[in-house]
Amino acid sequence: MPAATVSVLPTSPRTATPQRTATIQPTATLAPTATPSATPTASTTSTPEPPTAIPTPTLIGVSQRDQLFEETWRIVKDHYLYRDFRGQDWNSIRDEFAPRVEAAANNEEFYAALADMVGRLNDDHSRFLAPSDASVEDALSTGREAYVGIGVLLVPRTEGALVQEVFPDGPAARAGLLPRDRIVAIDGAPFDSLDDGSDLYGPEGSPVRLTVVRPGESTRDVVVTRAAVQGRVVPSTRRLRNDIGYLKVPTFWVNDMDVQVSGALTDMVAESPLNGLILDLRGNPGGWNYVLTGILGHFTRGQVGIFFDQKTTKPLLVTENAGPDMRGTPLVVLVDHSTASYAEVMAAVLQREAGARVVGAPTAGNTETIYAYELAGGARLWVAQEGFKLLNGQNLEGRGVQPNSVVNVDWATYSEDDDPQILEARRLLTAAGLNP
């Protein structure tokens, strides 16, 4: 998963017009983790080899290093949400890292020092990105991947990596990989939760042997031939029995995901009215604020929460969406431990304001809003600057969303037809009192 960034962030990723200071467009989570297919963990993971060539950086001079170091430290000092810096002495940390910055032999060591300094905050959002990582993150925010690899979107798990999406017509699709497959080894080497998946990259035409576990089946090896991949991260839909719709939204990081979701809902209701909808946010790491509000606009209206920083508060307002009005359609939201940031906010808002039932496991409890600062040379700094509360004052940070129906299983080990959380959602939607 790509790292995050300070210098100028566009008002919106849809129209990039950089300016010099704090970015105007907040996001509640970092870009998803890109493994040889597309990152999020959204979360927070390692940066894969860039899919396209990135210019070789020039060596940063001493004065520019000093300026960038001071700017990074100062931005955190002035804007970080927690005035106690989560128990860290931020002044002492500056003194600790100054000699390391001065002694850095090259750009890589210099950027690593800044990343480690920001990492001392020990939160899952604030992060410093070197220019190459920022470039990868920018590419990922379009939802498109272009590289030589196998063509999948992976989510790190305790054992291996879960295939969340398979890009149509890509090498993995041609080899028969499916969503919910778990890659547990690459060329015989175990794939663990700390692996960034870079071994899936390689020369075009070269083979890679994957050890794959599919729910309900025995472990098998699959040989995939690497090729140039053009991928697109999209929501997925299907219609279940009794006219229950299913909509999976893998991330809010893709900058037009709200538009894609609106189109998917339009197509579903055009076929025939829905008796209920299952909104699957499992594994969703969050993303852009306007994607959150754009999707919420299908289900609720008005003020639904409060953002707060060191000094002020501002409302989370949801306005009418141009797409289908789903208010009144019975709704179940699926979540798990990896549902994070604005995906958690969405689940909590729908639970409280739209009468949705939430099914699954408690979410990550990581809901700060981060702001991007574009720094000299193309580096980027993400800083957690805002917290979030529901209208009843409940803060999700450190607590997460608590499901109405707890079904605490590893859903990825089940087929879609046998998924206990989907089965519970269907049961709720067909139960007495939830029928329209």
Protein backbone atom coordinates (compact mmCIF):
# COMPACT_ATOMS: atom_id res chain seq x y z
CA MET A 1 0.00 0.00 0.00
CA PRO A 2 1.33 3.30 -0.89
CA ALA A 3 2.54 5.72 1.60
CA ALA A 4 1.01 9.09 2.02
CA THR A 5 2.33 13.35 1.87
CA VAL A 6 3.18 18.27 2.13
CA SER A 7 3.40 21.12 -0.30
CA VAL A 8 0.17 21.54 -2.17
CA LEU A 9 -2.78 19.27 -2.37
CA PRO A 10 -5.58 19.94 -4.79
CA THR A 11 -8.94 20.96 -3.55
CA SER A 12 -10.22 17.72 -4.97
CA PRO A 13 -8.41 14.82 -6.58
CA ARG A 14 -10.81 15.15 -9.51
CA THR A 15 -9.35 18.52 -10.43
CA ALA A 16 -5.73 18.80 -9.53
CA THR A 17 -4.67 22.37 -8.98
CA PRO A 18 -1.96 22.40 -6.35
CA GLN A 19 -1.39 25.22 -3.94
CA ARG A 20 1.23 25.65 -1.28
CA THR A 21 0.08 24.68 2.24
CA ALA A 22 -2.52 22.41 3.69
CA THR A 23 -4.55 20.39 1.36
CA ILE A 24 -8.18 21.32 1.28
CA GLN A 25 -9.50 17.88 0.51
CA PRO A 26 -9.47 15.72 3.64
CA THR A 27 -9.56 11.96 3.66
CA ALA A 28 -10.15 9.64 6.54
CA THR A 29 -7.68 7.06 5.47
CA LEU A 30 -4.58 6.48 3.48
CA ALA A 31 -4.58 5.01 0.04
CA PRO A 32 -5.27 1.31 -0.08
CA THR A 33 -2.35 -1.01 -0.04
CA ALA A 34 -1.19 -1.82 -3.44
CA THR A 35 0.09 -5.25 -3.91
CA PRO A 36 0.80 -6.37 -7.39
CA SER A 37 -2.59 -5.29 -8.37
CA ALA A 38 -3.85 -2.37 -6.42
CA THR A 39 -3.29 -1.17 -2.88
CA PRO A 40 -5.52 0.12 0.41
CA THR A 41 -5.34 -1.30 2.88
CA ALA A 42 -6.44 1.53 2.78
CA SER A 43 -5.30 1.20 4.91
CA THR A 44 -1.66 1.25 5.75
CA THR A 45 0.89 -0.99 4.18
CA SER A 46 4.01 -1.04 2.17
CA THR A 47 4.60 0.55 -1.17
CA PRO A 48 4.89 -1.72 -4.21
CA GLU A 49 7.32 -1.16 -7.01
CA PRO A 50 5.92 1.77 -9.01
CA PRO A 51 3.83 0.62 -11.96
CA THR A 52 5.22 3.28 -14.25
CA ALA A 53 8.59 4.91 -14.51
CA ILE A 54 9.19 7.65 -11.96
CA PRO A 55 11.92 10.19 -12.67
CA THR A 56 15.15 9.62 -10.79
CA PRO A 57 15.18 12.16 -7.95
CA THR A 58 17.99 14.63 -7.73
CA LEU A 59 20.08 14.71 -4.58
CA ILE A 60 18.57 17.08 -2.06
CA GLY A 61 20.92 19.77 -0.82
CA VAL A 62 21.66 20.33 2.86
CA SER A 63 19.66 23.55 3.10
CA GLN A 64 16.63 21.98 1.41
CA ARG A 65 16.86 18.98 3.72
CA ASP A 66 16.93 21.23 6.75
CA GLN A 67 13.93 23.17 5.47
CA LEU A 68 11.93 20.03 4.70
CA PHE A 69 12.78 18.53 8.09
CA GLU A 70 11.73 21.68 9.92
CA GLU A 71 8.57 22.03 7.85
CA THR A 72 7.51 18.44 8.48
CA TRP A 73 8.15 18.72 12.22
CA ARG A 74 6.36 22.09 12.44
CA ILE A 75 3.26 20.99 10.55
CA VAL A 76 2.77 18.11 12.96
CA LYS A 77 3.37 20.39 15.94
CA ASP A 78 0.84 22.97 14.74
CA HIS A 79 -1.91 20.76 13.35
CA TYR A 80 -1.85 17.31 14.95
CA LEU A 81 -5.19 16.45 16.54
CA TYR A 82 -3.78 15.27 19.85
CA ARG A 83 -2.00 17.98 21.80
CA ASP A 84 -0.16 15.41 23.92
CA PHE A 85 1.17 13.83 20.69
CA ARG A 86 -0.07 10.49 21.98
CA GLY A 87 2.35 10.57 24.88
CA GLN A 88 5.38 11.63 22.81
CA ASP A 89 7.59 14.63 23.58
CA TRP A 90 7.55 16.18 20.10
CA ASN A 91 10.29 18.69 20.93
CA SER A 92 12.60 15.90 22.08
CA ILE A 93 11.81 13.91 18.96
CA ARG A 94 12.99 16.82 16.85
CA ASP A 95 16.29 16.88 18.73
CA GLU A 96 16.60 13.11 18.34
CA PHE A 97 16.10 13.07 14.56
CA ALA A 98 18.06 16.21 13.61
CA PRO A 99 21.46 14.41 13.69
CA ARG A 100 20.07 11.50 11.68
CA VAL A 101 18.74 13.89 9.03
CA GLU A 102 22.09 15.68 8.85
CA ALA A 103 23.99 12.40 8.54
CA ALA A 104 21.76 10.91 5.80
CA ALA A 105 24.02 9.74 2.97
CA ASN A 106 21.35 9.92 0.28
CA ASN A 107 17.73 10.81 -0.40
CA GLU A 108 16.50 7.38 0.63
CA GLU A 109 18.05 7.65 4.09
CA PHE A 110 16.78 11.22 4.46
CA TYR A 111 13.18 10.35 3.57
CA ALA A 112 13.34 7.25 5.77
CA ALA A 113 14.34 9.44 8.71
CA LEU A 114 11.34 11.74 8.17
CA ALA A 115 9.02 8.75 7.82
CA ASP A 116 10.36 7.27 11.05
CA MET A 117 9.96 10.60 12.85
CA VAL A 118 6.28 10.90 11.88
CA GLY A 119 5.86 7.20 12.64
CA ARG A 120 6.73 7.91 16.27
CA LEU A 121 3.19 9.29 16.66
CA ASN A 122 2.03 5.67 16.56
CA ASP A 123 -1.27 6.31 14.86
CA ASP A 124 -2.59 4.56 11.78
CA HIS A 125 -3.16 7.71 9.75
CA SER A 126 -0.36 10.27 10.07
CA ARG A 127 2.40 9.41 7.64
CA PHE A 128 5.27 10.84 5.60
CA LEU A 129 5.71 9.75 1.98
CA ALA A 130 8.78 10.02 -0.17
CA PRO A 131 8.14 11.44 -3.66
CA SER A 132 8.09 8.00 -5.31
CA ASP A 133 5.48 6.77 -2.82
CA ALA A 134 3.41 9.90 -3.34
CA SER A 135 3.44 9.28 -7.10
CA VAL A 136 2.18 5.74 -6.59
CA GLU A 137 -0.53 7.02 -4.27
CA ASP A 138 -1.66 9.55 -6.86
CA ALA A 139 -1.96 6.83 -9.47
CA LEU A 140 -3.96 4.64 -7.11
CA SER A 141 -6.45 7.40 -6.33
CA THR A 142 -7.67 7.20 -9.91
CA GLY A 143 -8.62 3.58 -9.30
CA ARG A 144 -6.52 2.53 -12.27
CA GLU A 145 -3.44 0.35 -12.26
CA ALA A 146 -0.88 0.13 -15.05
CA TYR A 147 2.09 -2.19 -14.51
CA VAL A 148 3.50 -5.61 -15.32
CA GLY A 149 2.09 -8.15 -12.88
CA ILE A 150 -0.88 -10.45 -12.44
CA GLY A 151 -3.90 -8.13 -12.06
CA VAL A 152 -5.50 -8.49 -8.65
CA LEU A 153 -6.44 -6.31 -5.70
CA LEU A 154 -5.04 -7.87 -2.54
CA VAL A 155 -5.83 -7.35 1.13
CA PRO A 156 -3.19 -8.58 3.62
CA ARG A 157 -4.45 -11.21 6.06
CA THR A 158 -2.89 -13.05 8.98
CA GLU A 159 -2.06 -15.92 6.64
CA GLY A 160 -1.36 -14.83 3.11
CA ALA A 161 -3.21 -12.21 1.10
CA LEU A 162 -6.88 -12.23 0.20
CA VAL A 163 -7.79 -11.67 -3.44
CA GLN A 164 -10.46 -8.99 -3.13
CA GLU A 165 -10.82 -8.22 -6.84
CA VAL A 166 -9.58 -9.84 -10.05
CA PHE A 167 -9.15 -7.43 -12.96
CA PRO A 168 -11.12 -8.63 -16.00
CA ASP A 169 -9.02 -10.11 -18.82
CA GLY A 170 -5.85 -9.87 -16.75
CA PRO A 171 -3.29 -12.65 -16.18
CA ALA A 172 -4.88 -13.75 -12.89
CA ALA A 173 -8.33 -13.91 -14.48
CA ARG A 174 -6.97 -15.99 -17.35
CA ALA A 175 -5.35 -18.34 -14.83
CA GLY A 176 -8.69 -18.84 -13.07
CA LEU A 177 -8.15 -16.86 -9.86
CA LEU A 178 -11.31 -15.64 -8.17
CA PRO A 179 -12.24 -13.20 -5.39
CA ARG A 180 -11.87 -14.86 -1.97
CA ASP A 181 -8.90 -16.91 -3.13
CA ARG A 182 -6.03 -16.59 -0.67
CA ILE A 183 -2.43 -16.46 -1.88
CA VAL A 184 -0.30 -18.14 0.79
CA ALA A 185 3.00 -18.49 -1.09
CA ILE A 186 4.80 -17.00 -4.09
CA ASP A 187 7.28 -19.28 -5.86
CA GLY A 188 7.32 -21.43 -2.74
CA ALA A 189 8.10 -18.59 -0.32
CA PRO A 190 5.37 -17.98 2.31
CA PHE A 191 3.33 -14.81 1.83
CA ASP A 192 2.78 -13.26 5.26
CA SER A 193 0.91 -10.17 6.47
CA LEU A 194 4.07 -8.03 6.24
CA ASP A 195 4.75 -8.93 2.60
CA ASP A 196 4.14 -6.08 0.18
CA GLY A 197 3.48 -8.43 -2.74
CA SER A 198 6.33 -7.01 -4.82
CA ASP A 199 7.30 -10.54 -5.86
CA LEU A 200 4.21 -10.58 -8.03
CA TYR A 201 5.87 -7.99 -10.25
CA GLY A 202 8.42 -9.05 -12.81
CA PRO A 203 9.36 -9.01 -16.48
CA GLU A 204 6.53 -9.31 -18.97
CA GLY A 205 6.05 -12.93 -20.01
CA SER A 206 7.74 -14.38 -16.93
CA PRO A 207 5.90 -17.02 -14.87
CA VAL A 208 5.11 -16.83 -11.16
CA ARG A 209 3.89 -19.82 -9.16
CA LEU A 210 1.18 -19.02 -6.61
CA THR A 211 0.04 -21.33 -3.85
CA VAL A 212 -3.67 -20.64 -3.52
CA VAL A 213 -6.35 -21.66 -1.03
CA ARG A 214 -9.97 -21.40 -2.16
CA PRO A 215 -12.83 -21.69 0.36
CA GLY A 216 -13.97 -25.31 0.61
CA GLU A 217 -11.16 -26.63 -1.58
CA SER A 218 -7.66 -27.99 -1.06
CA THR A 219 -4.51 -25.93 -1.54
CA ARG A 220 -3.21 -25.87 -5.09
CA ASP A 221 -0.48 -24.24 -7.16
CA VAL A 222 -1.36 -21.91 -10.02
CA VAL A 223 1.18 -20.63 -12.53
CA VAL A 224 0.39 -17.13 -13.79
CA THR A 225 2.25 -15.47 -16.66
CA ARG A 226 2.99 -11.84 -15.87
CA ALA A 227 1.73 -9.32 -18.39
CA ALA A 228 0.99 -5.63 -18.77
CA VAL A 229 -2.08 -4.89 -16.67
CA GLN A 230 -4.65 -2.14 -17.00
CA GLY A 231 -6.89 -2.42 -13.96
CA ARG A 232 -9.85 -0.51 -12.57
CA VAL A 233 -11.17 -0.76 -9.01
CA VAL A 234 -14.98 -0.81 -9.18
CA PRO A 235 -17.93 -1.67 -6.94
CA SER A 236 -19.55 -5.05 -7.53
CA THR A 237 -23.26 -5.85 -7.49
CA ARG A 238 -25.58 -8.81 -7.80
CA ARG A 239 -29.22 -9.58 -7.19
CA LEU A 240 -29.99 -12.25 -4.62
CA ARG A 241 -33.20 -14.19 -4.12
CA ASN A 242 -36.31 -12.27 -3.09
CA ASP A 243 -35.06 -9.16 -4.94
CA ILE A 244 -32.39 -8.40 -2.36
CA GLY A 245 -29.56 -6.35 -3.82
CA TYR A 246 -25.91 -6.82 -2.91
CA LEU A 247 -23.40 -3.96 -3.33
CA LYS A 248 -19.75 -4.29 -2.38
CA VAL A 249 -17.71 -1.08 -2.16
CA PRO A 250 -14.03 -2.03 -1.74
CA THR A 251 -12.65 1.47 -1.04
CA PHE A 252 -13.53 5.17 -0.92
CA TRP A 253 -10.03 6.04 -2.07
CA VAL A 254 -10.90 5.85 -5.79
CA ASN A 255 -11.80 9.41 -6.70
CA ASP A 256 -15.01 8.61 -8.57
CA MET A 257 -16.24 5.73 -6.41
CA ASP A 258 -19.34 7.70 -5.40
CA VAL A 259 -20.25 8.16 -9.07
CA GLN A 260 -19.63 4.48 -9.74
CA VAL A 261 -21.84 3.47 -6.81
CA SER A 262 -24.60 5.77 -8.02
CA GLY A 263 -24.45 4.12 -11.43
CA ALA A 264 -24.48 0.64 -9.91
CA LEU A 265 -27.55 1.44 -7.80
CA THR A 266 -29.29 2.99 -10.81
CA ASP A 267 -28.73 -0.20 -12.81
CA MET A 268 -30.00 -2.40 -9.97
CA VAL A 269 -33.25 -0.54 -9.36
CA ALA A 270 -33.90 -0.11 -13.09
CA GLU A 271 -34.19 -3.88 -13.41
CA SER A 272 -36.91 -4.02 -10.73
CA PRO A 273 -37.47 -2.54 -7.25
CA LEU A 274 -35.38 -3.96 -4.42
CA ASN A 275 -36.91 -5.46 -1.30
CA GLY A 276 -33.68 -4.80 0.56
CA LEU A 277 -30.01 -3.99 0.08
CA ILE A 278 -26.83 -5.46 1.54
CA LEU A 279 -24.01 -2.88 1.54
CA ASP A 280 -20.70 -4.71 1.97
CA LEU A 281 -17.97 -2.53 3.52
CA ARG A 282 -15.79 -5.40 4.74
CA GLY A 283 -12.13 -4.67 4.07
CA ASN A 284 -12.92 -1.09 3.03
CA PRO A 285 -10.17 1.18 4.40
CA GLY A 286 -11.99 4.48 3.79
CA GLY A 287 -10.86 7.30 1.51
CA TRP A 288 -12.14 10.67 0.31
CA ASN A 289 -14.63 12.76 2.27
CA TYR A 290 -16.75 13.60 -0.77
CA VAL A 291 -16.99 9.91 -1.71
CA LEU A 292 -18.36 9.26 1.78
CA THR A 293 -21.00 11.99 1.55
CA GLY A 294 -21.81 11.18 -2.07
CA ILE A 295 -22.71 7.59 -1.22
CA LEU A 296 -24.48 8.54 2.02
CA GLY A 297 -26.73 10.83 -0.03
CA HIS A 298 -28.57 7.78 -1.36
CA PHE A 299 -29.63 6.76 2.14
CA THR A 300 -29.97 9.81 4.40
CA ARG A 301 -29.99 13.63 4.45
CA GLY A 302 -28.97 16.53 6.68
CA GLN A 303 -26.43 16.74 9.49
CA VAL A 304 -25.31 13.26 10.51
CA GLY A 305 -22.21 13.93 12.61
CA ILE A 306 -19.59 16.39 13.81
CA PHE A 307 -15.92 16.79 12.92
CA PHE A 308 -13.69 18.44 15.52
CA ASP A 309 -10.08 19.58 15.68
CA GLN A 310 -7.99 21.32 18.35
CA LYS A 311 -10.16 24.44 18.33
CA THR A 312 -13.31 24.13 16.23
CA THR A 313 -16.14 21.87 15.14
CA LYS A 314 -17.97 21.54 11.83
CA PRO A 315 -20.95 19.44 10.79
CA LEU A 316 -20.91 16.41 8.52
CA LEU A 317 -23.68 17.37 6.11
CA VAL A 318 -25.26 15.04 3.56
CA THR A 319 -27.22 16.47 0.66
CA GLU A 320 -29.51 14.91 -1.90
CA ASN A 321 -27.81 12.61 -4.38
CA ALA A 322 -28.64 12.72 -8.08
CA GLY A 323 -28.90 8.91 -8.14
CA PRO A 324 -31.58 6.60 -6.74
CA ASP A 325 -33.20 7.56 -3.43
CA MET A 326 -32.75 4.43 -1.32
CA ARG A 327 -34.34 5.86 1.81
CA GLY A 328 -37.02 3.47 2.93
CA THR A 329 -35.29 0.46 1.38
CA PRO A 330 -34.37 -1.98 4.18
CA LEU A 331 -30.61 -1.89 4.56
CA VAL A 332 -27.99 -4.15 6.13
CA VAL A 333 -24.33 -3.08 6.27
CA LEU A 334 -21.57 -5.70 6.49
CA VAL A 335 -18.39 -4.76 8.39
CA ASP A 336 -15.33 -6.49 9.80
CA HIS A 337 -12.17 -5.68 11.74
CA SER A 338 -10.55 -4.17 8.64
CA THR A 339 -13.42 -1.77 7.93
CA ALA A 340 -11.75 1.54 8.77
CA SER A 341 -11.92 5.32 8.68
CA TYR A 342 -14.69 6.82 6.56
CA ALA A 343 -16.05 3.31 5.92
CA GLU A 344 -16.64 3.11 9.68
CA VAL A 345 -18.22 6.55 9.64
CA MET A 346 -20.57 5.42 6.89
CA ALA A 347 -21.59 2.27 8.76
CA ALA A 348 -22.18 4.19 12.00
CA VAL A 349 -24.17 6.96 10.30
CA LEU A 350 -26.36 4.47 8.43
CA GLN A 351 -26.90 2.52 11.64
CA ARG A 352 -27.97 5.58 13.62
CA GLU A 353 -29.57 7.85 11.02
CA ALA A 354 -30.94 5.47 8.37
CA GLY A 355 -32.11 2.54 10.50
CA ALA A 356 -29.61 0.13 8.96
CA ARG A 357 -28.72 -3.10 10.71
CA VAL A 358 -24.98 -3.70 10.94
CA VAL A 359 -23.75 -7.29 10.69
CA GLY A 360 -20.27 -8.72 11.18
CA ALA A 361 -17.43 -7.87 13.58
CA PRO A 362 -16.53 -4.61 15.36
CA THR A 363 -14.67 -2.24 13.05
CA ALA A 364 -11.13 -0.87 13.37
CA GLY A 365 -11.92 2.19 15.49
CA ASN A 366 -9.68 4.42 13.39
CA THR A 367 -11.71 7.40 12.25
CA GLU A 368 -9.49 10.48 12.28
CA THR A 369 -9.60 12.72 9.24
CA ILE A 370 -6.18 13.33 7.72
CA TYR A 371 -5.01 16.28 5.67
CA ALA A 372 -2.32 16.14 3.00
CA TYR A 373 0.52 18.64 2.79
CA GLU A 374 2.49 18.70 -0.45
CA LEU A 375 6.16 19.26 0.32
CA ALA A 376 9.12 20.40 -1.72
CA GLY A 377 10.47 17.81 -4.13
CA GLY A 378 7.21 15.89 -4.35
CA ALA A 379 7.10 14.46 -0.83
CA ARG A 380 3.79 14.37 1.03
CA LEU A 381 2.79 14.50 4.68
CA TRP A 382 -0.54 13.19 5.95
CA VAL A 383 -1.54 14.54 9.38
CA ALA A 384 -4.48 13.44 11.51
CA GLN A 385 -6.19 16.76 12.22
CA GLU A 386 -9.83 15.97 12.95
CA GLY A 387 -11.85 13.53 14.98
CA PHE A 388 -15.45 12.49 14.39
CA LYS A 389 -18.50 12.12 16.61
CA LEU A 390 -22.03 11.02 15.87
CA LEU A 391 -24.84 13.41 16.73
CA ASN A 392 -25.31 11.64 20.07
CA GLY A 393 -21.70 12.51 20.96
CA GLN A 394 -20.32 9.02 20.43
CA ASN A 395 -16.69 8.98 19.29
CA LEU A 396 -15.76 5.94 17.20
CA GLU A 397 -12.00 6.34 17.66
CA GLY A 398 -10.60 3.35 19.52
CA ARG A 399 -14.06 1.79 19.74
CA GLY A 400 -15.30 1.21 16.23
CA VAL A 401 -18.81 0.39 15.07
CA GLN A 402 -20.56 -2.28 17.12
CA PRO A 403 -22.72 -4.58 14.97
CA ASN A 404 -26.39 -5.20 15.74
CA SER A 405 -25.72 -8.84 14.87
CA VAL A 406 -22.22 -10.04 15.73
CA VAL A 407 -21.07 -12.75 13.33
CA ASN A 408 -17.36 -12.83 14.10
CA VAL A 409 -15.98 -15.18 11.47
CA ASP A 410 -13.33 -14.94 8.78
CA TRP A 411 -15.76 -14.49 5.91
CA ALA A 412 -12.99 -14.90 3.36
CA THR A 413 -12.75 -18.61 4.18
CA TYR A 414 -16.32 -19.17 2.96
CA SER A 415 -17.79 -19.15 -0.51
CA GLU A 416 -20.25 -16.34 -1.25
CA ASP A 417 -23.18 -18.76 -1.02
CA ASP A 418 -22.04 -20.00 2.42
CA ASP A 419 -20.81 -16.68 3.85
CA PRO A 420 -22.34 -16.55 7.38
CA GLN A 421 -22.46 -12.75 7.41
CA ILE A 422 -24.29 -12.53 4.08
CA LEU A 423 -26.66 -15.27 5.23
CA GLU A 424 -27.42 -13.30 8.41
CA ALA A 425 -28.01 -10.14 6.36
CA ARG A 426 -30.43 -12.01 4.12
CA ARG A 427 -32.21 -13.41 7.17
CA LEU A 428 -32.67 -9.94 8.61
CA LEU A 429 -33.96 -8.54 5.34
CA THR A 430 -36.56 -11.27 4.95
CA ALA A 431 -37.60 -11.24 8.62
CA ALA A 432 -40.96 -9.90 9.72
CA GLY A 433 -40.91 -6.14 10.09
CA LEU A 434 -38.10 -5.54 7.61
CA ASN A 435 -40.12 -6.28 4.50
CA PRO A 436 -41.21 -3.10 2.72
